[in-house]
């Protein structure tokens, strides 16, 4: 009988999960985090992290923050189109609780983007409640190559990460080298409007408008101060009198052309109102992640057509194949570039 119980106990122990080897890392907020040596399942805290994990290791993504619509799914790998929608932990729409996090059974939680005391406190709180390692990654555009390499090393996809990071480094270097040949003034003055009314924008330092500085333009809303996203009035935009308006929403782009309260703005008078492509992720923003590498290409061509003369259609196809792992059809490419000058 004693032998029977001993064998039974050993069999039971054999059924128990064996903890994975752990390693200690320091994340972008300076937090010391113990993560598994092998990471197979990743829960993302917000949209930028979702794009980052998708381009690096789509098989490790446990779910979407927001479900891609049918139009976006056509530009994504078939293997991720039916992933569940889990929700987001960060931002004004952050609402999922600890139970939803643990139910997803991730090895780690990953967030990429702004790193400040608010995001650090959230990471500490969620990690304490769920006992799941929560890693913060600096998502600033200038660090795109380093960010890709860092996360690739963290989740065990170094070879793929190096390919994507090399592309990012080359694109940013090419941009900086060519911008260095331009006179410093005058810089194009740009207003970026989010939403159907175009009255949400970003202040100085907002990660959502970061690539305006990267491409050598001036964010006119920086006159309203430093911070993140904010609401403004049409009167403020009229006072700033931008040379160019970039509209996140096509409805705003359509309405601003005929709305009398916007009629006096230089961008409206000159017809310089542009909507960046947005499938499967926004090229300019929405979210402010590695997808902005293509947004920079778009802005280069829009702002400095004589300086940047590459085969833009070819650039787009190359990016989608390398980052999103999809081969664009001629119809998809035409849809993306519709209205792109």
Protein backbone atom coordinates (compact mmCIF):
# COMPACT_ATOMS: atom_id res chain seq x y z
CA UNK A 1 0.00 0.00 0.00
CA UNK A 2 2.82 2.43 0.83
CA UNK A 3 4.44 1.66 -2.53
CA UNK A 4 1.12 2.33 -4.28
CA UNK A 5 0.78 5.78 -2.71
CA UNK A 6 4.39 6.58 -3.47
CA UNK A 7 3.88 5.71 -7.14
CA UNK A 8 0.62 7.66 -7.20
CA UNK A 9 2.33 10.69 -5.68
CA UNK A 10 5.10 10.57 -8.27
CA UNK A 11 2.55 10.29 -11.06
CA UNK A 12 0.65 13.28 -9.70
CA UNK A 13 3.82 15.34 -9.40
CA UNK A 14 4.64 14.45 -12.99
CA UNK A 15 1.36 16.02 -14.11
CA UNK A 16 2.11 19.34 -12.50
CA UNK A 17 3.46 22.14 -14.73
CA UNK A 18 7.16 22.71 -14.34
CA UNK A 19 8.04 26.41 -13.91
CA UNK A 20 9.98 27.76 -16.86
CA UNK A 21 13.51 28.99 -16.36
CA UNK A 22 13.39 32.66 -15.46
CA UNK A 23 15.66 35.55 -16.36
CA UNK A 24 15.84 39.05 -14.97
CA UNK A 25 15.54 42.05 -17.29
CA UNK A 26 15.31 45.80 -16.79
CA UNK A 27 12.55 47.40 -18.81
CA UNK A 28 12.34 50.94 -20.23
CA UNK A 29 10.93 52.30 -16.97
CA UNK A 30 13.88 50.93 -15.01
CA UNK A 31 11.75 48.18 -13.49
CA UNK A 32 13.39 44.85 -12.71
CA UNK A 33 11.17 42.12 -14.14
CA UNK A 34 11.54 38.34 -13.95
CA UNK A 35 10.41 36.85 -17.27
CA UNK A 36 10.32 33.25 -18.53
CA UNK A 37 13.30 32.14 -20.54
CA UNK A 38 10.92 30.96 -23.28
CA UNK A 39 7.99 33.21 -24.18
CA UNK A 40 5.24 31.73 -26.33
CA UNK A 41 2.14 33.72 -25.40
CA UNK A 42 2.05 37.52 -25.19
CA UNK A 43 -0.78 39.77 -24.03
CA UNK A 44 -0.44 43.31 -25.35
CA UNK A 45 -1.51 46.27 -23.22
CA UNK A 46 -2.30 48.67 -26.08
CA UNK A 47 -2.38 49.06 -29.88
CA UNK A 48 1.31 49.96 -30.47
CA UNK A 49 2.37 46.78 -28.68
CA UNK A 50 -0.13 44.78 -30.74
CA UNK A 51 1.48 45.95 -33.97
CA UNK A 52 4.97 45.29 -32.60
CA UNK A 53 4.20 41.71 -31.58
CA UNK A 54 2.31 41.07 -34.81
CA UNK A 55 5.21 42.11 -37.04
CA UNK A 56 7.76 40.19 -34.96
CA UNK A 57 5.98 37.00 -33.92
CA UNK A 58 2.28 36.81 -34.87
CA UNK A 59 2.09 33.25 -33.54
CA UNK A 60 2.78 34.54 -30.01
CA UNK A 61 -0.06 37.10 -29.97
CA UNK A 62 -2.90 35.84 -27.74
CA UNK A 63 -5.46 38.39 -28.90
CA UNK A 64 -6.21 41.84 -30.25
CA UNK A 65 -6.79 45.03 -28.33
CA UNK A 66 -9.43 45.97 -30.90
CA UNK A 67 -10.75 43.46 -33.41
CA UNK A 68 -9.61 44.34 -36.94
CA UNK A 69 -12.57 44.94 -39.24
CA UNK A 70 -13.07 43.00 -42.45
CA UNK A 71 -11.25 45.61 -44.51
CA UNK A 72 -8.19 45.44 -42.25
CA UNK A 73 -8.21 41.64 -42.09
CA UNK A 74 -7.54 41.49 -45.82
CA UNK A 75 -4.14 43.09 -45.12
CA UNK A 76 -3.24 40.70 -42.28
CA UNK A 77 -1.98 37.14 -42.19
CA UNK A 78 -4.86 34.63 -42.19
CA UNK A 79 -3.54 33.07 -38.95
CA UNK A 80 -4.33 36.17 -36.86
CA UNK A 81 -7.62 37.29 -38.36
CA UNK A 82 -9.77 35.29 -35.94
CA UNK A 83 -7.82 35.97 -32.75
CA UNK A 84 -10.07 36.99 -29.85
CA UNK A 85 -10.53 40.60 -28.83
CA UNK A 86 -9.24 40.93 -25.27
CA UNK A 87 -9.30 44.72 -24.88
CA UNK A 88 -6.71 47.16 -23.68
CA UNK A 89 -5.09 47.94 -20.37
CA UNK A 90 -3.82 51.40 -21.28
CA UNK A 91 -5.28 54.71 -22.45
CA UNK A 92 -8.64 56.34 -21.85
CA UNK A 93 -10.42 53.22 -23.11
CA UNK A 94 -8.49 50.86 -20.88
CA UNK A 95 -11.06 48.66 -19.19
CA UNK A 96 -10.09 45.00 -18.93
CA UNK A 97 -9.64 43.64 -15.44
CA UNK A 98 -7.22 41.25 -13.83
CA UNK A 99 -9.44 38.23 -14.49
CA UNK A 100 -9.46 38.87 -18.25
CA UNK A 101 -5.67 39.12 -18.15
CA UNK A 102 -5.19 35.83 -16.30
CA UNK A 103 -7.82 34.08 -18.42
CA UNK A 104 -5.70 34.83 -21.52
CA UNK A 105 -2.84 32.84 -19.89
CA UNK A 106 0.02 34.94 -21.26
CA UNK A 107 3.65 34.38 -20.38
CA UNK A 108 4.16 38.15 -20.29
CA UNK A 109 2.27 41.41 -20.75
CA UNK A 110 3.95 43.84 -23.15
CA UNK A 111 3.34 47.56 -23.54
CA UNK A 112 5.12 49.83 -26.04
CA UNK A 113 4.89 53.59 -26.31
CA UNK A 114 5.23 56.43 -23.85
CA UNK A 115 7.06 55.50 -20.67
CA UNK A 116 6.19 57.73 -17.73
CA UNK A 117 5.14 57.38 -14.05
CA UNK A 118 1.50 56.71 -15.01
CA UNK A 119 2.37 53.73 -17.21
CA UNK A 120 4.92 52.50 -14.67
CA UNK A 121 2.31 52.57 -11.90
CA UNK A 122 -0.16 50.67 -14.07
CA UNK A 123 2.43 48.02 -14.89
CA UNK A 124 3.28 47.58 -11.22
CA UNK A 125 -0.40 47.32 -10.29
CA UNK A 126 -1.33 44.78 -12.96
CA UNK A 127 1.76 42.69 -12.30
CA UNK A 128 1.04 42.62 -8.56
CA UNK A 129 -2.58 41.59 -9.14
CA UNK A 130 -1.99 38.94 -11.80
CA UNK A 131 1.56 37.74 -11.01
CA UNK A 132 2.28 37.96 -14.75
CA UNK A 133 5.47 39.77 -15.80
CA UNK A 134 4.64 43.19 -17.30
CA UNK A 135 7.32 44.75 -19.53
CA UNK A 136 7.38 48.39 -20.64
CA UNK A 137 9.08 49.26 -23.94
CA UNK A 138 10.06 52.73 -25.16
CA UNK A 139 8.09 53.26 -28.37
CA UNK A 140 9.61 56.57 -29.45
CA UNK A 141 10.16 56.70 -33.20
CA UNK A 142 13.89 57.43 -33.08
CA UNK A 143 14.44 54.16 -31.20
CA UNK A 144 12.42 52.01 -33.60
CA UNK A 145 15.34 49.84 -34.66
CA UNK A 146 16.57 49.38 -31.09
CA UNK A 147 13.04 48.68 -29.88
CA UNK A 148 12.54 45.96 -32.48
CA UNK A 149 15.87 44.34 -31.57
CA UNK A 150 15.19 44.55 -27.82
CA UNK A 151 11.78 42.93 -28.10
CA UNK A 152 13.07 40.36 -30.57
CA UNK A 153 15.71 39.31 -28.04
CA UNK A 154 13.14 39.27 -25.24
CA UNK A 155 10.70 36.96 -27.04
CA UNK A 156 13.24 34.82 -28.88
CA UNK A 157 12.95 35.97 -32.51
CA UNK A 158 16.31 37.67 -32.96
CA UNK A 159 16.81 36.80 -36.62
CA UNK A 160 13.50 38.28 -37.73
CA UNK A 161 13.96 41.27 -35.45
CA UNK A 162 17.34 42.05 -37.00
CA UNK A 163 15.83 42.12 -40.51
CA UNK A 164 13.06 44.50 -39.47
CA UNK A 165 15.42 46.66 -37.42
CA UNK A 166 17.87 46.96 -40.29
CA UNK A 167 15.04 48.25 -42.48
CA UNK A 168 14.06 50.77 -39.78
CA UNK A 169 17.63 51.98 -39.30
CA UNK A 170 18.13 52.39 -43.04
CA UNK A 171 14.85 54.28 -43.51
CA UNK A 172 15.56 56.69 -40.66
CA UNK A 173 19.15 57.28 -41.80
CA UNK A 174 18.04 57.97 -45.36
CA UNK A 175 15.47 60.45 -44.08
CA UNK A 176 17.92 62.25 -41.82
CA UNK A 177 20.64 62.40 -44.47
CA UNK A 178 18.31 63.98 -47.01
CA UNK A 179 16.68 66.37 -44.57
CA UNK A 180 20.14 67.62 -43.65
CA UNK A 181 20.46 69.02 -47.17
CA UNK A 182 17.36 71.23 -46.76
CA UNK A 183 17.37 74.78 -45.41
CA UNK A 184 16.27 74.83 -41.78
CA UNK A 185 13.58 77.46 -42.45
CA UNK A 186 10.84 77.79 -43.27
CA UNK A 187 9.50 74.48 -42.01
CA UNK A 188 6.09 73.34 -43.29
CA UNK A 189 3.44 74.09 -40.66
CA UNK A 190 1.07 71.15 -40.15
CA UNK A 191 -2.16 70.55 -38.26
CA UNK A 192 -3.14 66.95 -37.55
CA UNK A 193 -6.84 66.46 -36.83
CA UNK A 194 -8.25 63.26 -35.32
CA UNK A 195 -11.87 62.18 -35.38
CA UNK A 196 -14.82 63.10 -37.59
CA UNK A 197 -14.68 66.75 -36.48
CA UNK A 198 -10.87 66.97 -36.63
CA UNK A 199 -10.71 68.73 -33.29
CA UNK A 200 -8.58 66.24 -31.39
CA UNK A 201 -4.86 66.73 -31.89
CA UNK A 202 -1.58 66.37 -30.07
CA UNK A 203 0.41 68.94 -28.14
CA UNK A 204 4.17 69.36 -28.15
CA UNK A 205 5.74 66.07 -27.14
CA UNK A 206 2.73 63.92 -28.02
CA UNK A 207 3.83 60.53 -29.36
CA UNK A 208 0.85 60.64 -31.74
CA UNK A 209 2.39 63.56 -33.65
CA UNK A 210 6.01 62.59 -33.15
CA UNK A 211 6.75 61.93 -36.81
CA UNK A 212 5.91 65.52 -37.75
CA UNK A 213 9.12 66.54 -35.99
CA UNK A 214 10.94 63.56 -37.50
CA UNK A 215 10.19 64.72 -41.06
CA UNK A 216 11.18 68.33 -40.37
CA UNK A 217 7.77 69.98 -40.03
CA UNK A 218 6.19 72.11 -37.34
CA UNK A 219 3.19 70.89 -35.34
CA UNK A 220 1.11 74.07 -35.08
CA UNK A 221 -0.73 72.72 -32.01
CA UNK A 222 2.55 72.84 -30.09
CA UNK A 223 1.61 76.50 -29.52
CA UNK A 224 -1.03 75.25 -27.07
CA UNK A 225 1.55 73.67 -24.78
CA UNK A 226 3.21 70.36 -23.99
CA UNK A 227 1.43 67.08 -23.38
CA UNK A 228 -0.54 64.35 -25.12
CA UNK A 229 -3.80 64.36 -27.02
CA UNK A 230 -6.17 67.27 -26.46
CA UNK A 231 -9.30 68.92 -27.85
CA UNK A 232 -9.03 72.26 -29.62
CA UNK A 233 -11.47 74.68 -31.27
CA UNK A 234 -11.80 75.67 -34.92
CA UNK A 235 -10.83 79.20 -33.87
CA UNK A 236 -7.51 77.95 -32.53
CA UNK A 237 -6.74 76.14 -35.78
CA UNK A 238 -7.68 79.25 -37.80
CA UNK A 239 -5.30 81.25 -35.64
CA UNK A 240 -2.48 78.77 -36.21
CA UNK A 241 -3.14 78.92 -39.99
CA UNK A 242 -1.36 75.68 -41.01
CA UNK A 243 0.10 75.16 -44.47
CA UNK A 244 -1.04 71.52 -44.48
CA UNK A 245 -3.83 69.61 -42.75
CA UNK A 246 -3.50 65.87 -42.17
CA UNK A 247 -6.84 64.27 -41.39
CA UNK A 248 -7.06 61.02 -39.49
CA UNK A 249 -10.71 60.63 -40.57
CA UNK A 250 -11.83 60.98 -44.22
CA UNK A 251 -15.09 62.53 -42.98
CA UNK A 252 -13.15 65.42 -41.49
CA UNK A 253 -11.13 65.85 -44.68
CA UNK A 254 -14.35 66.06 -46.68
CA UNK A 255 -16.12 68.49 -44.36
CA UNK A 256 -13.21 70.86 -43.81
CA UNK A 257 -13.06 71.66 -47.51
CA UNK A 258 -16.54 73.20 -47.48
CA UNK A 259 -17.00 74.38 -43.88
CA UNK A 260 -17.02 78.21 -43.77
CA UNK A 261 -15.32 78.33 -40.37
CA UNK A 262 -12.22 76.66 -41.85
CA UNK A 263 -12.25 78.56 -45.15
CA UNK A 264 -9.64 81.16 -44.17
CA UNK A 265 -6.93 78.61 -43.40
CA UNK A 266 -4.05 78.49 -45.87
CA UNK A 267 -4.16 74.70 -46.14
CA UNK A 268 -7.84 74.83 -47.09
CA UNK A 269 -7.32 77.62 -49.61
CA UNK A 270 -4.45 75.70 -51.22
CA UNK A 271 -6.26 72.37 -51.16
CA UNK A 272 -3.53 70.76 -49.04
CA UNK A 273 -5.65 68.39 -46.99
CA UNK A 274 -4.44 64.81 -46.89
CA UNK A 275 -5.65 61.52 -45.41
CA UNK A 276 -2.94 58.92 -44.75
CA UNK A 277 -3.73 55.30 -45.66
CA UNK A 278 -4.80 53.18 -42.72
CA UNK A 279 -4.95 49.48 -43.62
CA UNK A 280 -4.37 47.38 -41.62
CA UNK A 281 -2.87 50.00 -39.27
CA UNK A 282 -2.63 53.76 -39.68
CA UNK A 283 0.44 54.99 -41.50
CA UNK A 284 0.68 58.24 -39.54
CA UNK A 285 -0.75 57.37 -36.12
CA UNK A 286 -3.52 54.99 -35.01
CA UNK A 287 -1.49 53.57 -33.40
CA UNK A 288 1.87 55.33 -32.93
CA UNK A 289 3.91 52.19 -33.46
CA UNK A 290 6.36 50.67 -35.91
CA UNK A 291 3.70 51.12 -38.61
CA UNK A 292 4.83 54.76 -38.72
CA UNK A 293 7.89 53.70 -40.71
CA UNK A 294 5.60 53.65 -43.72
CA UNK A 295 4.02 56.92 -42.63
CA UNK A 296 7.41 58.56 -42.80
CA UNK A 297 7.81 57.32 -46.37
CA UNK A 298 4.41 58.80 -47.19
CA UNK A 299 5.26 62.15 -45.59
CA UNK A 300 8.65 62.34 -47.31
CA UNK A 301 6.99 62.06 -50.68
CA UNK A 302 4.17 64.42 -49.76
CA UNK A 303 6.38 67.18 -48.37
CA UNK A 304 9.58 66.88 -50.41
CA UNK A 305 8.73 65.21 -53.75
CA UNK A 306 11.92 66.46 -55.43
CA UNK A 307 14.13 65.10 -52.66
CA UNK A 308 12.54 61.68 -52.24
CA UNK A 309 12.11 60.05 -55.65
CA UNK A 310 11.97 56.33 -54.86
CA UNK A 311 9.50 53.87 -56.35
CA UNK A 312 6.80 54.51 -53.75
CA UNK A 313 4.52 51.68 -54.86
CA UNK A 314 7.49 49.34 -54.66
CA UNK A 315 8.37 50.67 -51.20
CA UNK A 316 4.84 49.94 -49.99
CA UNK A 317 4.85 46.38 -51.34
CA UNK A 318 8.25 45.73 -49.78
CA UNK A 319 7.11 47.02 -46.38
CA UNK A 320 3.91 44.95 -46.35
CA UNK A 321 5.78 41.81 -47.33
CA UNK A 322 8.56 42.31 -44.78
CA UNK A 323 6.57 43.62 -41.82
CA UNK A 324 3.02 42.33 -42.28
CA UNK A 325 4.01 39.17 -44.21
CA UNK A 326 1.38 39.69 -46.90
CA UNK A 327 1.77 40.00 -50.65
CA UNK A 328 -0.33 42.95 -51.78
CA UNK A 329 -2.51 42.38 -54.80
CA UNK A 330 -2.67 45.07 -57.46
CA UNK A 331 -6.17 45.97 -56.23
CA UNK A 332 -5.01 46.28 -52.62
CA UNK A 333 -2.06 48.43 -53.61
CA UNK A 334 -4.31 50.68 -55.70
CA UNK A 335 -6.74 51.03 -52.77
CA UNK A 336 -3.93 52.00 -50.40
CA UNK A 337 -2.49 54.56 -52.79
CA UNK A 338 -5.82 56.05 -53.89
CA UNK A 339 -5.52 59.80 -53.46
CA UNK A 340 -1.82 59.56 -52.54
CA UNK A 341 0.05 62.19 -54.50
